[in-house]
Amino acid sequence: MNPFLHSIKLNTFLIFLLIIGSPALLMAHGVSASDQQTMLEGGILAHIWIGAKHMVEQKPSVATLH
């Protein structure tokens, strides 16, 4: 097999895995019960607001990469 085609297939496969696996990396974490209820009852703006609030309120040890 042509090495160029092999690398394209490998890159395509890795991108596919990243797309398929990314929801597992982005699963909800540290969301309070009241925020969960707001997200269930609210629309897209509720999700954006809670996401922004979550990013601002994160503990420094979680927010930084060590």
PDB file of N, CA and C in Angstrom:
ATOM      1  N   MET A   1       0.840  -1.181   0.000  1.00  0.00           N
ATOM      2  CA  MET A   1       0.000   0.000   0.000  1.00  0.00           C
ATOM      3  C   MET A   1       0.886   1.245   0.000  1.00  0.00           C
ATOM      4  N   ASN A   2       0.447   2.248  -0.707  1.00  0.00           N
ATOM      5  CA  ASN A   2       1.144   3.515  -0.782  1.00  0.00           C
ATOM      6  C   ASN A   2       1.223   4.137   0.621  1.00  0.00           C
ATOM      7  N   PRO A   3       2.417   4.545   1.086  1.00  0.00           N
ATOM      8  CA  PRO A   3       2.539   5.139   2.424  1.00  0.00           C
ATOM      9  C   PRO A   3       1.678   6.405   2.609  1.00  0.00           C
ATOM     10  N   PHE A   4       1.515   7.151   1.522  1.00  0.00           N
ATOM     11  CA  PHE A   4       0.699   8.366   1.600  1.00  0.00           C
ATOM     12  C   PHE A   4      -0.763   8.019   1.891  1.00  0.00           C
ATOM     13  N   LEU A   5      -1.288   7.016   1.178  1.00  0.00           N
ATOM     14  CA  LEU A   5      -2.667   6.585   1.409  1.00  0.00           C
ATOM     15  C   LEU A   5      -2.827   6.002   2.802  1.00  0.00           C
ATOM     16  N   HIS A   6      -1.826   5.283   3.261  1.00  0.00           N
ATOM     17  CA  HIS A   6      -1.869   4.710   4.600  1.00  0.00           C
ATOM     18  C   HIS A   6      -1.956   5.811   5.655  1.00  0.00           C
ATOM     19  N   SER A   7      -1.176   6.882   5.493  1.00  0.00           N
ATOM     20  CA  SER A   7      -1.201   7.969   6.471  1.00  0.00           C
ATOM     21  C   SER A   7      -2.536   8.720   6.431  1.00  0.00           C
ATOM     22  N   ILE A   8      -3.129   8.857   5.261  1.00  0.00           N
ATOM     23  CA  ILE A   8      -4.435   9.510   5.154  1.00  0.00           C
ATOM     24  C   ILE A   8      -5.496   8.677   5.868  1.00  0.00           C
ATOM     25  N   LYS A   9      -5.454   7.369   5.651  1.00  0.00           N
ATOM     26  CA  LYS A   9      -6.424   6.497   6.312  1.00  0.00           C
ATOM     27  C   LYS A   9      -6.234   6.525   7.823  1.00  0.00           C
ATOM     28  N   LEU A  10      -5.000   6.546   8.275  1.00  0.00           N
ATOM     29  CA  LEU A  10      -4.717   6.598   9.703  1.00  0.00           C
ATOM     30  C   LEU A  10      -5.212   7.920  10.298  1.00  0.00           C
ATOM     31  N   ASN A  11      -4.930   9.026   9.616  1.00  0.00           N
ATOM     32  CA  ASN A  11      -5.389  10.330  10.096  1.00  0.00           C
ATOM     33  C   ASN A  11      -6.905  10.400  10.129  1.00  0.00           C
ATOM     34  N   THR A  12      -7.566   9.877   9.115  1.00  0.00           N
ATOM     35  CA  THR A  12      -9.025   9.865   9.082  1.00  0.00           C
ATOM     36  C   THR A  12      -9.573   9.043  10.236  1.00  0.00           C
ATOM     37  N   PHE A  13      -8.966   7.912  10.501  1.00  0.00           N
ATOM     38  CA  PHE A  13      -9.405   7.056  11.601  1.00  0.00           C
ATOM     39  C   PHE A  13      -9.216   7.756  12.943  1.00  0.00           C
ATOM     40  N   LEU A  14      -8.099   8.435  13.147  1.00  0.00           N
ATOM     41  CA  LEU A  14      -7.840   9.147  14.405  1.00  0.00           C
ATOM     42  C   LEU A  14      -8.822  10.292  14.597  1.00  0.00           C
ATOM     43  N   ILE A  15      -9.143  11.008  13.527  1.00  0.00           N
ATOM     44  CA  ILE A  15     -10.143  12.084  13.615  1.00  0.00           C
ATOM     45  C   ILE A  15     -11.508  11.498  13.958  1.00  0.00           C
ATOM     46  N   PHE A  16     -11.842  10.379  13.354  1.00  0.00           N
ATOM     47  CA  PHE A  16     -13.100   9.699  13.654  1.00  0.00           C
ATOM     48  C   PHE A  16     -13.168   9.322  15.139  1.00  0.00           C
ATOM     49  N   LEU A  17     -12.082   8.755  15.672  1.00  0.00           N
ATOM     50  CA  LEU A  17     -12.053   8.392  17.094  1.00  0.00           C
ATOM     51  C   LEU A  17     -12.193   9.612  17.986  1.00  0.00           C
ATOM     52  N   LEU A  18     -11.567  10.694  17.615  1.00  0.00           N
ATOM     53  CA  LEU A  18     -11.660  11.925  18.394  1.00  0.00           C
ATOM     54  C   LEU A  18     -13.093  12.443  18.422  1.00  0.00           C
ATOM     55  N   ILE A  19     -13.749  12.431  17.284  1.00  0.00           N
ATOM     56  CA  ILE A  19     -15.132  12.908  17.203  1.00  0.00           C
ATOM     57  C   ILE A  19     -16.054  12.000  18.002  1.00  0.00           C
ATOM     58  N   ILE A  20     -15.871  10.705  17.887  1.00  0.00           N
ATOM     59  CA  ILE A  20     -16.718   9.756  18.598  1.00  0.00           C
ATOM     60  C   ILE A  20     -16.428   9.780  20.100  1.00  0.00           C
ATOM     61  N   GLY A  21     -15.179   9.954  20.477  1.00  0.00           N
ATOM     62  CA  GLY A  21     -14.796   9.907  21.889  1.00  0.00           C
ATOM     63  C   GLY A  21     -14.945  11.210  22.633  1.00  0.00           C
ATOM     64  N   SER A  22     -15.102  12.328  21.932  1.00  0.00           N
ATOM     65  CA  SER A  22     -15.144  13.621  22.610  1.00  0.00           C
ATOM     66  C   SER A  22     -16.329  13.791  23.558  1.00  0.00           C
ATOM     67  N   PRO A  23     -17.517  13.240  23.279  1.00  0.00           N
ATOM     68  CA  PRO A  23     -18.590  13.395  24.263  1.00  0.00           C
ATOM     69  C   PRO A  23     -18.240  12.799  25.624  1.00  0.00           C
ATOM     70  N   ALA A  24     -17.477  11.723  25.642  1.00  0.00           N
ATOM     71  CA  ALA A  24     -17.073  11.137  26.915  1.00  0.00           C
ATOM     72  C   ALA A  24     -16.173  12.092  27.687  1.00  0.00           C
ATOM     73  N   LEU A  25     -15.380  12.864  26.985  1.00  0.00           N
ATOM     74  CA  LEU A  25     -14.510  13.832  27.639  1.00  0.00           C
ATOM     75  C   LEU A  25     -15.283  15.051  28.122  1.00  0.00           C
ATOM     76  N   LEU A  26     -16.415  15.312  27.528  1.00  0.00           N
ATOM     77  CA  LEU A  26     -17.179  16.509  27.838  1.00  0.00           C
ATOM     78  C   LEU A  26     -18.398  16.246  28.714  1.00  0.00           C
ATOM     79  N   MET A  27     -18.471  15.073  29.291  1.00  0.00           N
ATOM     80  CA  MET A  27     -19.633  14.735  30.110  1.00  0.00           C
ATOM     81  C   MET A  27     -19.759  15.690  31.290  1.00  0.00           C
ATOM     82  N   ALA A  28     -20.983  15.872  31.747  1.00  0.00           N
ATOM     83  CA  ALA A  28     -21.256  16.794  32.857  1.00  0.00           C
ATOM     84  C   ALA A  28     -20.504  16.342  34.104  1.00  0.00           C
ATOM     85  N   HIS A  29     -19.962  17.310  34.795  1.00  0.00           N
ATOM     86  CA  HIS A  29     -19.258  17.044  36.036  1.00  0.00           C
ATOM     87  C   HIS A  29     -19.408  18.266  36.940  1.00  0.00           C
ATOM     88  N   GLY A  30     -19.620  18.039  38.207  1.00  0.00           N
ATOM     89  CA  GLY A  30     -19.689  19.112  39.183  1.00  0.00           C
ATOM     90  C   GLY A  30     -20.865  20.053  38.992  1.00  0.00           C
ATOM     91  N   VAL A  31     -21.983  19.565  38.486  1.00  0.00           N
ATOM     92  CA  VAL A  31     -23.152  20.403  38.265  1.00  0.00           C
ATOM     93  C   VAL A  31     -24.111  20.176  39.428  1.00  0.00           C
ATOM     94  N   SER A  32     -24.498  21.257  40.090  1.00  0.00           N
ATOM     95  CA  SER A  32     -25.389  21.135  41.243  1.00  0.00           C
ATOM     96  C   SER A  32     -26.776  20.670  40.800  1.00  0.00           C
ATOM     97  N   ALA A  33     -27.543  20.192  41.773  1.00  0.00           N
ATOM     98  CA  ALA A  33     -28.890  19.704  41.476  1.00  0.00           C
ATOM     99  C   ALA A  33     -29.771  20.824  40.921  1.00  0.00           C
ATOM    100  N   SER A  34     -29.621  22.039  41.461  1.00  0.00           N
ATOM    101  CA  SER A  34     -30.441  23.150  40.966  1.00  0.00           C
ATOM    102  C   SER A  34     -30.055  23.527  39.536  1.00  0.00           C
ATOM    103  N   ASP A  35     -28.754  23.477  39.225  1.00  0.00           N
ATOM    104  CA  ASP A  35     -28.316  23.758  37.857  1.00  0.00           C
ATOM    105  C   ASP A  35     -28.784  22.660  36.894  1.00  0.00           C
ATOM    106  N   GLN A  36     -28.788  21.416  37.358  1.00  0.00           N
ATOM    107  CA  GLN A  36     -29.286  20.325  36.516  1.00  0.00           C
ATOM    108  C   GLN A  36     -30.759  20.540  36.191  1.00  0.00           C
ATOM    109  N   GLN A  37     -31.532  20.962  37.200  1.00  0.00           N
ATOM    110  CA  GLN A  37     -32.953  21.205  36.967  1.00  0.00           C
ATOM    111  C   GLN A  37     -33.158  22.360  35.998  1.00  0.00           C
ATOM    112  N   THR A  38     -32.356  23.419  36.146  1.00  0.00           N
ATOM    113  CA  THR A  38     -32.446  24.563  35.238  1.00  0.00           C
ATOM    114  C   THR A  38     -32.124  24.137  33.809  1.00  0.00           C
ATOM    115  N   MET A  39     -31.129  23.280  33.648  1.00  0.00           N
ATOM    116  CA  MET A  39     -30.764  22.816  32.314  1.00  0.00           C
ATOM    117  C   MET A  39     -31.860  21.944  31.716  1.00  0.00           C
ATOM    118  N   LEU A  40     -32.535  21.150  32.553  1.00  0.00           N
ATOM    119  CA  LEU A  40     -33.617  20.308  32.051  1.00  0.00           C
ATOM    120  C   LEU A  40     -34.821  21.136  31.614  1.00  0.00           C
ATOM    121  N   GLU A  41     -35.103  22.201  32.349  1.00  0.00           N
ATOM    122  CA  GLU A  41     -36.291  23.016  32.072  1.00  0.00           C
ATOM    123  C   GLU A  41     -36.013  24.164  31.111  1.00  0.00           C
ATOM    124  N   GLY A  42     -34.761  24.608  31.044  1.00  0.00           N
ATOM    125  CA  GLY A  42     -34.427  25.780  30.242  1.00  0.00           C
ATOM    126  C   GLY A  42     -34.046  25.418  28.826  1.00  0.00           C
ATOM    127  N   GLY A  43     -33.796  26.438  28.068  1.00  0.00           N
ATOM    128  CA  GLY A  43     -33.391  26.261  26.683  1.00  0.00           C
ATOM    129  C   GLY A  43     -31.889  26.392  26.532  1.00  0.00           C
ATOM    130  N   ILE A  44     -31.483  26.763  25.332  1.00  0.00           N
ATOM    131  CA  ILE A  44     -30.058  26.862  25.019  1.00  0.00           C
ATOM    132  C   ILE A  44     -29.374  27.956  25.840  1.00  0.00           C
ATOM    133  N   LEU A  45     -30.075  29.041  26.115  1.00  0.00           N
ATOM    134  CA  LEU A  45     -29.465  30.114  26.912  1.00  0.00           C
ATOM    135  C   LEU A  45     -29.176  29.655  28.331  1.00  0.00           C
ATOM    136  N   ALA A  46     -30.033  28.791  28.884  1.00  0.00           N
ATOM    137  CA  ALA A  46     -29.781  28.244  30.217  1.00  0.00           C
ATOM    138  C   ALA A  46     -28.502  27.408  30.207  1.00  0.00           C
ATOM    139  N   HIS A  47     -28.305  26.621  29.168  1.00  0.00           N
ATOM    140  CA  HIS A  47     -27.101  25.799  29.053  1.00  0.00           C
ATOM    141  C   HIS A  47     -25.857  26.684  28.932  1.00  0.00           C
ATOM    142  N   ILE A  48     -25.941  27.719  28.135  1.00  0.00           N
ATOM    143  CA  ILE A  48     -24.793  28.624  27.963  1.00  0.00           C
ATOM    144  C   ILE A  48     -24.471  29.321  29.269  1.00  0.00           C
ATOM    145  N   TRP A  49     -25.504  29.818  29.955  1.00  0.00           N
ATOM    146  CA  TRP A  49     -25.290  30.530  31.214  1.00  0.00           C
ATOM    147  C   TRP A  49     -24.656  29.614  32.255  1.00  0.00           C
ATOM    148  N   ILE A  50     -25.177  28.416  32.418  1.00  0.00           N
ATOM    149  CA  ILE A  50     -24.644  27.491  33.425  1.00  0.00           C
ATOM    150  C   ILE A  50     -23.231  27.055  33.054  1.00  0.00           C
ATOM    151  N   GLY A  51     -22.967  26.854  31.782  1.00  0.00           N
ATOM    152  CA  GLY A  51     -21.613  26.504  31.352  1.00  0.00           C
ATOM    153  C   GLY A  51     -20.617  27.609  31.643  1.00  0.00           C
ATOM    154  N   ALA A  52     -21.012  28.840  31.370  1.00  0.00           N
ATOM    155  CA  ALA A  52     -20.122  29.981  31.658  1.00  0.00           C
ATOM    156  C   ALA A  52     -19.910  30.117  33.160  1.00  0.00           C
ATOM    157  N   LYS A  53     -20.982  29.967  33.918  1.00  0.00           N
ATOM    158  CA  LYS A  53     -20.881  30.063  35.380  1.00  0.00           C
ATOM    159  C   LYS A  53     -19.973  28.960  35.916  1.00  0.00           C
ATOM    160  N   HIS A  54     -20.087  27.784  35.370  1.00  0.00           N
ATOM    161  CA  HIS A  54     -19.261  26.655  35.799  1.00  0.00           C
ATOM    162  C   HIS A  54     -17.781  26.923  35.528  1.00  0.00           C
ATOM    163  N   MET A  55     -17.481  27.494  34.367  1.00  0.00           N
ATOM    164  CA  MET A  55     -16.085  27.779  34.024  1.00  0.00           C
ATOM    165  C   MET A  55     -15.484  28.836  34.949  1.00  0.00           C
ATOM    166  N   VAL A  56     -16.278  29.812  35.340  1.00  0.00           N
ATOM    167  CA  VAL A  56     -15.779  30.873  36.214  1.00  0.00           C
ATOM    168  C   VAL A  56     -15.607  30.365  37.640  1.00  0.00           C
ATOM    169  N   GLU A  57     -16.497  29.491  38.080  1.00  0.00           N
ATOM    170  CA  GLU A  57     -16.500  29.036  39.470  1.00  0.00           C
ATOM    171  C   GLU A  57     -15.607  27.836  39.737  1.00  0.00           C
ATOM    172  N   GLN A  58     -14.907  27.333  38.743  1.00  0.00           N
ATOM    173  CA  GLN A  58     -14.062  26.155  38.956  1.00  0.00           C
ATOM    174  C   GLN A  58     -12.971  26.452  39.966  1.00  0.00           C
ATOM    175  N   LYS A  59     -12.582  25.414  40.707  1.00  0.00           N
ATOM    176  CA  LYS A  59     -11.482  25.536  41.650  1.00  0.00           C
ATOM    177  C   LYS A  59     -10.183  25.687  40.851  1.00  0.00           C
ATOM    178  N   PRO A  60      -9.230  26.459  41.348  1.00  0.00           N
ATOM    179  CA  PRO A  60      -7.972  26.667  40.607  1.00  0.00           C
ATOM    180  C   PRO A  60      -7.238  25.359  40.313  1.00  0.00           C
ATOM    181  N   SER A  61      -7.295  24.374  41.214  1.00  0.00           N
ATOM    182  CA  SER A  61      -6.582  23.118  40.956  1.00  0.00           C
ATOM    183  C   SER A  61      -7.203  22.355  39.793  1.00  0.00           C
ATOM    184  N   VAL A  62      -8.488  22.556  39.538  1.00  0.00           N
ATOM    185  CA  VAL A  62      -9.156  21.879  38.434  1.00  0.00           C
ATOM    186  C   VAL A  62      -8.958  22.671  37.149  1.00  0.00           C
ATOM    187  N   ALA A  63      -8.937  23.995  37.255  1.00  0.00           N
ATOM    188  CA  ALA A  63      -8.865  24.850  36.082  1.00  0.00           C
ATOM    189  C   ALA A  63      -7.492  24.854  35.427  1.00  0.00           C
ATOM    190  N   THR A  64      -6.454  24.585  36.193  1.00  0.00           N
ATOM    191  CA  THR A  64      -5.111  24.600  35.632  1.00  0.00           C
ATOM    192  C   THR A  64      -4.665  23.187  35.300  1.00  0.00           C
ATOM    193  N   LEU A  65      -3.829  23.066  34.332  1.00  0.00           N
ATOM    194  CA  LEU A  65      -3.299  21.768  33.953  1.00  0.00           C
ATOM    195  C   LEU A  65      -1.996  21.529  34.678  1.00  0.00           C
ATOM    196  N   HIS A  66      -1.968  20.512  35.488  1.00  0.00           N
ATOM    197  CA  HIS A  66      -0.734  20.153  36.204  1.00  0.00           C
ATOM    198  C   HIS A  66      -0.203  18.868  35.687  1.00  0.00           C
TER     199      HIS A  66
END
